[in-house]
């Protein structure tokens, strides 16, 4: 996560922020790491991608009603614009982020 900025400040930005709510003990969460790396490489600076460990940040998990992990949530201007639980392929994540980035410009 960006130093000096709180989670609330990061998700309030104009730039889409993909948040991966995960747990270290979660098998599917481990599968998401290379997918997120691939996604980051494809979207570049169109979006930020951050990870939130639900065991270390239970308040954030509760606030956004994260019931299972991994749960991916895309924020823009502090609002949830997309969310999905489970392993999501990089292709789908890239499409969702690109669509949101295009909507921002439009």
N, C-alpha and C. Protein backbone atom coordinates (compact mmCIF):
# COMPACT_ATOMS: atom_id res chain seq x y z
N UNK A 1 0.84 -1.17 0.00
CA UNK A 1 0.00 0.00 0.00
C UNK A 1 0.89 1.24 0.00
N UNK A 2 0.38 2.31 -0.59
CA UNK A 2 1.16 3.54 -0.67
C UNK A 2 1.44 4.07 0.73
N UNK A 3 2.67 4.47 0.96
CA UNK A 3 3.05 4.96 2.28
C UNK A 3 2.41 6.31 2.54
N UNK A 4 1.98 6.50 3.79
CA UNK A 4 1.46 7.78 4.20
C UNK A 4 -0.02 7.98 3.89
N UNK A 5 -0.61 7.14 3.07
CA UNK A 5 -2.01 7.29 2.74
C UNK A 5 -2.81 6.20 3.42
N UNK A 6 -3.96 6.56 3.92
CA UNK A 6 -4.83 5.56 4.53
C UNK A 6 -5.60 4.84 3.43
N UNK A 7 -6.18 3.71 3.79
CA UNK A 7 -7.00 2.95 2.86
C UNK A 7 -8.11 3.84 2.30
N UNK A 8 -8.77 4.59 3.17
CA UNK A 8 -9.86 5.48 2.74
C UNK A 8 -9.39 6.50 1.72
N UNK A 9 -8.19 7.06 1.93
CA UNK A 9 -7.65 8.05 0.99
C UNK A 9 -7.35 7.41 -0.36
N UNK A 10 -6.81 6.20 -0.33
CA UNK A 10 -6.44 5.51 -1.57
C UNK A 10 -7.68 5.21 -2.41
N UNK A 11 -8.75 4.70 -1.79
CA UNK A 11 -9.93 4.32 -2.58
C UNK A 11 -10.77 5.51 -3.01
N UNK A 12 -10.51 6.69 -2.43
CA UNK A 12 -11.29 7.88 -2.81
C UNK A 12 -10.77 8.53 -4.08
N UNK A 13 -9.63 8.09 -4.56
CA UNK A 13 -9.03 8.72 -5.73
C UNK A 13 -9.81 8.47 -7.01
N UNK A 14 -9.48 9.27 -8.01
CA UNK A 14 -10.10 9.17 -9.32
C UNK A 14 -9.66 7.88 -10.04
N UNK A 15 -8.45 7.44 -9.71
CA UNK A 15 -7.90 6.23 -10.34
C UNK A 15 -8.59 5.00 -9.73
N UNK A 16 -9.05 4.04 -10.57
CA UNK A 16 -9.64 2.82 -10.04
C UNK A 16 -8.62 2.08 -9.15
N UNK A 17 -9.12 1.50 -8.06
CA UNK A 17 -8.29 0.74 -7.13
C UNK A 17 -8.92 -0.64 -6.96
N UNK A 18 -8.17 -1.67 -7.35
CA UNK A 18 -8.63 -3.04 -7.17
C UNK A 18 -8.07 -3.54 -5.85
N UNK A 19 -8.97 -3.93 -4.95
CA UNK A 19 -8.57 -4.42 -3.63
C UNK A 19 -8.82 -5.92 -3.57
N UNK A 20 -7.78 -6.65 -3.22
CA UNK A 20 -7.87 -8.09 -3.03
C UNK A 20 -7.94 -8.34 -1.53
N UNK A 21 -9.14 -8.67 -1.03
CA UNK A 21 -9.29 -9.07 0.36
C UNK A 21 -8.92 -10.54 0.42
N UNK A 22 -7.88 -10.88 1.20
CA UNK A 22 -7.36 -12.24 1.21
C UNK A 22 -6.98 -12.66 2.63
N UNK A 23 -6.61 -13.94 2.74
CA UNK A 23 -6.07 -14.47 4.00
C UNK A 23 -4.88 -15.36 3.66
N UNK A 24 -3.89 -15.35 4.54
CA UNK A 24 -2.66 -16.12 4.27
C UNK A 24 -2.92 -17.62 4.24
N UNK A 25 -3.96 -18.09 4.94
CA UNK A 25 -4.27 -19.52 5.01
C UNK A 25 -5.15 -19.99 3.86
N UNK A 26 -5.54 -19.10 2.98
CA UNK A 26 -6.52 -19.38 1.92
C UNK A 26 -5.83 -19.85 0.64
N UNK A 27 -6.11 -21.10 0.23
CA UNK A 27 -5.52 -21.65 -1.00
C UNK A 27 -5.86 -20.85 -2.25
N UNK A 28 -7.16 -20.58 -2.52
CA UNK A 28 -7.50 -19.78 -3.70
C UNK A 28 -6.86 -18.39 -3.70
N UNK A 29 -6.65 -17.83 -2.49
CA UNK A 29 -6.00 -16.52 -2.40
C UNK A 29 -4.57 -16.59 -2.95
N UNK A 30 -3.89 -17.70 -2.66
CA UNK A 30 -2.53 -17.88 -3.18
C UNK A 30 -2.54 -17.97 -4.70
N UNK A 31 -3.61 -18.54 -5.26
CA UNK A 31 -3.73 -18.63 -6.72
C UNK A 31 -3.91 -17.25 -7.34
N UNK A 32 -4.44 -16.29 -6.58
CA UNK A 32 -4.69 -14.95 -7.11
C UNK A 32 -3.41 -14.14 -7.29
N UNK A 33 -2.36 -14.44 -6.52
CA UNK A 33 -1.15 -13.61 -6.58
C UNK A 33 -0.57 -13.49 -8.00
N UNK A 34 -0.32 -14.61 -8.71
CA UNK A 34 0.21 -14.44 -10.08
C UNK A 34 -0.79 -13.78 -11.02
N UNK A 35 -2.08 -13.98 -10.77
CA UNK A 35 -3.12 -13.35 -11.59
C UNK A 35 -3.08 -11.83 -11.39
N UNK A 36 -2.92 -11.40 -10.14
CA UNK A 36 -2.85 -9.96 -9.86
C UNK A 36 -1.59 -9.35 -10.45
N UNK A 37 -0.49 -10.10 -10.40
CA UNK A 37 0.76 -9.62 -10.99
C UNK A 37 0.59 -9.44 -12.50
N UNK A 38 -0.03 -10.43 -13.15
CA UNK A 38 -0.28 -10.35 -14.59
C UNK A 38 -1.20 -9.17 -14.91
N UNK A 39 -2.25 -9.02 -14.12
CA UNK A 39 -3.20 -7.92 -14.32
C UNK A 39 -2.50 -6.58 -14.20
N UNK A 40 -1.68 -6.42 -13.16
CA UNK A 40 -0.94 -5.17 -12.96
C UNK A 40 -0.07 -4.86 -14.16
N UNK A 41 0.57 -5.88 -14.72
CA UNK A 41 1.42 -5.68 -15.89
C UNK A 41 0.63 -5.23 -17.10
N UNK A 42 -0.62 -5.68 -17.21
CA UNK A 42 -1.44 -5.34 -18.38
C UNK A 42 -2.15 -3.99 -18.25
N UNK A 43 -2.51 -3.59 -17.03
CA UNK A 43 -3.25 -2.33 -16.88
C UNK A 43 -2.33 -1.15 -16.58
N UNK A 44 -1.11 -1.43 -16.16
CA UNK A 44 -0.16 -0.35 -15.90
C UNK A 44 -0.69 0.64 -14.88
N UNK A 45 -0.64 1.93 -15.24
CA UNK A 45 -1.06 2.95 -14.28
C UNK A 45 -2.54 3.30 -14.40
N UNK A 46 -3.31 2.49 -15.12
CA UNK A 46 -4.76 2.73 -15.20
C UNK A 46 -5.44 2.45 -13.86
N UNK A 47 -4.81 1.60 -13.05
CA UNK A 47 -5.41 1.24 -11.76
C UNK A 47 -4.32 0.88 -10.77
N UNK A 48 -4.66 1.03 -9.48
CA UNK A 48 -3.81 0.53 -8.41
C UNK A 48 -4.37 -0.82 -8.00
N UNK A 49 -3.49 -1.71 -7.58
CA UNK A 49 -3.92 -3.00 -7.04
C UNK A 49 -3.30 -3.13 -5.66
N UNK A 50 -4.16 -3.31 -4.65
CA UNK A 50 -3.66 -3.47 -3.29
C UNK A 50 -4.28 -4.73 -2.68
N UNK A 51 -3.59 -5.27 -1.69
CA UNK A 51 -4.05 -6.46 -0.99
C UNK A 51 -4.32 -6.11 0.46
N UNK A 52 -5.44 -6.62 0.97
CA UNK A 52 -5.80 -6.40 2.38
C UNK A 52 -5.97 -7.77 3.03
N UNK A 53 -5.14 -8.04 4.02
CA UNK A 53 -5.22 -9.29 4.79
C UNK A 53 -6.37 -9.14 5.79
N UNK A 54 -7.42 -9.96 5.62
CA UNK A 54 -8.61 -9.80 6.46
C UNK A 54 -8.34 -10.13 7.93
N UNK A 55 -7.33 -10.97 8.19
CA UNK A 55 -7.00 -11.30 9.58
C UNK A 55 -6.30 -10.14 10.29
N UNK A 56 -5.54 -9.35 9.53
CA UNK A 56 -4.85 -8.19 10.10
C UNK A 56 -5.72 -6.93 10.05
N UNK A 57 -6.74 -6.95 9.20
CA UNK A 57 -7.61 -5.78 9.01
C UNK A 57 -9.09 -6.18 9.08
N UNK A 58 -9.53 -6.75 10.20
CA UNK A 58 -10.91 -7.21 10.28
C UNK A 58 -11.94 -6.10 10.12
N UNK A 59 -11.58 -4.87 10.50
CA UNK A 59 -12.53 -3.76 10.36
C UNK A 59 -12.82 -3.47 8.88
N UNK A 60 -11.79 -3.52 8.04
CA UNK A 60 -11.99 -3.28 6.60
C UNK A 60 -12.84 -4.40 6.01
N UNK A 61 -12.56 -5.64 6.40
CA UNK A 61 -13.33 -6.77 5.90
C UNK A 61 -14.79 -6.64 6.31
N UNK A 62 -15.02 -6.23 7.53
CA UNK A 62 -16.39 -6.06 8.04
C UNK A 62 -17.09 -4.91 7.33
N UNK A 63 -16.38 -3.81 7.17
CA UNK A 63 -16.96 -2.61 6.55
C UNK A 63 -17.47 -2.89 5.14
N UNK A 64 -16.76 -3.74 4.41
CA UNK A 64 -17.15 -4.03 3.03
C UNK A 64 -17.81 -5.41 2.89
N UNK A 65 -18.28 -5.95 4.01
CA UNK A 65 -19.02 -7.21 4.04
C UNK A 65 -18.33 -8.34 3.28
N UNK A 66 -17.04 -8.49 3.54
CA UNK A 66 -16.29 -9.58 2.93
C UNK A 66 -16.62 -10.85 3.71
N UNK A 67 -17.35 -11.76 3.06
CA UNK A 67 -17.79 -12.99 3.71
C UNK A 67 -16.91 -14.18 3.35
N UNK A 68 -16.25 -14.11 2.21
CA UNK A 68 -15.36 -15.19 1.79
C UNK A 68 -14.14 -14.59 1.12
N UNK A 69 -13.07 -15.35 1.09
CA UNK A 69 -11.84 -14.88 0.45
C UNK A 69 -11.43 -15.87 -0.64
N UNK A 70 -10.81 -15.40 -1.71
CA UNK A 70 -10.57 -13.98 -1.99
C UNK A 70 -11.86 -13.27 -2.43
N UNK A 71 -11.96 -12.02 -2.06
CA UNK A 71 -13.01 -11.13 -2.60
C UNK A 71 -12.28 -9.95 -3.21
N UNK A 72 -12.59 -9.70 -4.46
CA UNK A 72 -11.98 -8.58 -5.19
C UNK A 72 -13.01 -7.47 -5.32
N UNK A 73 -12.60 -6.26 -4.98
CA UNK A 73 -13.50 -5.11 -5.03
C UNK A 73 -12.79 -3.99 -5.78
N UNK A 74 -13.47 -3.43 -6.77
CA UNK A 74 -12.92 -2.31 -7.52
C UNK A 74 -13.60 -1.03 -7.04
N UNK A 75 -12.79 -0.11 -6.55
CA UNK A 75 -13.28 1.18 -6.06
C UNK A 75 -12.90 2.27 -7.04
N UNK A 76 -13.76 3.27 -7.11
CA UNK A 76 -13.40 4.50 -7.83
C UNK A 76 -14.14 5.64 -7.15
N UNK A 77 -13.42 6.69 -6.83
CA UNK A 77 -13.99 7.84 -6.11
C UNK A 77 -14.70 7.40 -4.82
N UNK A 78 -14.13 6.39 -4.15
CA UNK A 78 -14.68 5.94 -2.88
C UNK A 78 -15.88 5.04 -2.99
N UNK A 79 -16.32 4.74 -4.20
CA UNK A 79 -17.50 3.90 -4.40
C UNK A 79 -17.10 2.55 -4.97
N UNK A 80 -17.85 1.51 -4.58
CA UNK A 80 -17.64 0.18 -5.16
C UNK A 80 -18.28 0.17 -6.54
N UNK A 81 -17.47 -0.11 -7.56
CA UNK A 81 -18.00 -0.16 -8.92
C UNK A 81 -18.08 -1.59 -9.45
N UNK A 82 -17.44 -2.53 -8.74
CA UNK A 82 -17.47 -3.94 -9.14
C UNK A 82 -16.94 -4.75 -7.98
N UNK A 83 -17.50 -5.97 -7.80
CA UNK A 83 -16.95 -6.87 -6.79
C UNK A 83 -17.29 -8.30 -7.18
N UNK A 84 -16.38 -9.20 -6.79
CA UNK A 84 -16.60 -10.62 -7.05
C UNK A 84 -15.75 -11.43 -6.09
N UNK A 85 -16.33 -12.51 -5.61
CA UNK A 85 -15.59 -13.41 -4.73
C UNK A 85 -15.08 -14.60 -5.54
N UNK A 86 -13.99 -15.18 -5.06
CA UNK A 86 -13.40 -16.33 -5.75
C UNK A 86 -12.27 -15.92 -6.66
N UNK A 87 -11.67 -16.91 -7.28
CA UNK A 87 -10.56 -16.68 -8.20
C UNK A 87 -11.12 -16.10 -9.50
N UNK A 88 -10.58 -14.96 -9.91
CA UNK A 88 -11.03 -14.28 -11.12
C UNK A 88 -9.86 -14.26 -12.10
N UNK A 89 -10.07 -14.72 -13.34
CA UNK A 89 -8.97 -14.72 -14.32
C UNK A 89 -8.48 -13.31 -14.65
N UNK A 90 -7.20 -13.22 -14.97
CA UNK A 90 -6.59 -11.92 -15.30
C UNK A 90 -7.34 -11.23 -16.44
N UNK A 91 -7.74 -12.01 -17.43
CA UNK A 91 -8.44 -11.42 -18.59
C UNK A 91 -9.69 -10.67 -18.14
N UNK A 92 -10.45 -11.26 -17.23
CA UNK A 92 -11.66 -10.60 -16.74
C UNK A 92 -11.32 -9.36 -15.92
N UNK A 93 -10.31 -9.45 -15.08
CA UNK A 93 -9.91 -8.29 -14.28
C UNK A 93 -9.46 -7.13 -15.17
N UNK A 94 -8.68 -7.44 -16.20
CA UNK A 94 -8.21 -6.41 -17.13
C UNK A 94 -9.41 -5.75 -17.83
N UNK A 95 -10.39 -6.56 -18.25
CA UNK A 95 -11.58 -6.02 -18.92
C UNK A 95 -12.35 -5.09 -17.98
N UNK A 96 -12.55 -5.51 -16.74
CA UNK A 96 -13.29 -4.70 -15.75
C UNK A 96 -12.56 -3.38 -15.51
N UNK A 97 -11.25 -3.44 -15.32
CA UNK A 97 -10.46 -2.22 -15.05
C UNK A 97 -10.47 -1.30 -16.27
N UNK A 98 -10.26 -1.86 -17.46
CA UNK A 98 -10.26 -1.05 -18.68
C UNK A 98 -11.60 -0.38 -18.90
N UNK A 99 -12.69 -1.13 -18.65
CA UNK A 99 -14.04 -0.57 -18.80
C UNK A 99 -14.22 0.61 -17.85
N UNK A 100 -13.76 0.45 -16.61
CA UNK A 100 -13.90 1.51 -15.62
C UNK A 100 -13.03 2.71 -15.98
N UNK A 101 -11.82 2.45 -16.47
CA UNK A 101 -10.92 3.53 -16.87
C UNK A 101 -11.52 4.30 -18.05
N UNK A 102 -12.15 3.59 -18.97
CA UNK A 102 -12.79 4.25 -20.13
C UNK A 102 -13.98 5.08 -19.68
N UNK A 103 -14.76 4.56 -18.75
CA UNK A 103 -15.93 5.28 -18.23
C UNK A 103 -15.48 6.58 -17.55
N UNK A 104 -14.33 6.52 -16.88
CA UNK A 104 -13.79 7.68 -16.19
C UNK A 104 -13.47 8.80 -17.19
N UNK A 105 -12.96 8.40 -18.37
CA UNK A 105 -12.58 9.39 -19.38
C UNK A 105 -13.79 9.96 -20.10
N UNK A 106 -14.82 9.09 -20.24
CA UNK A 106 -15.98 9.44 -21.03
C UNK A 106 -16.80 10.53 -20.44
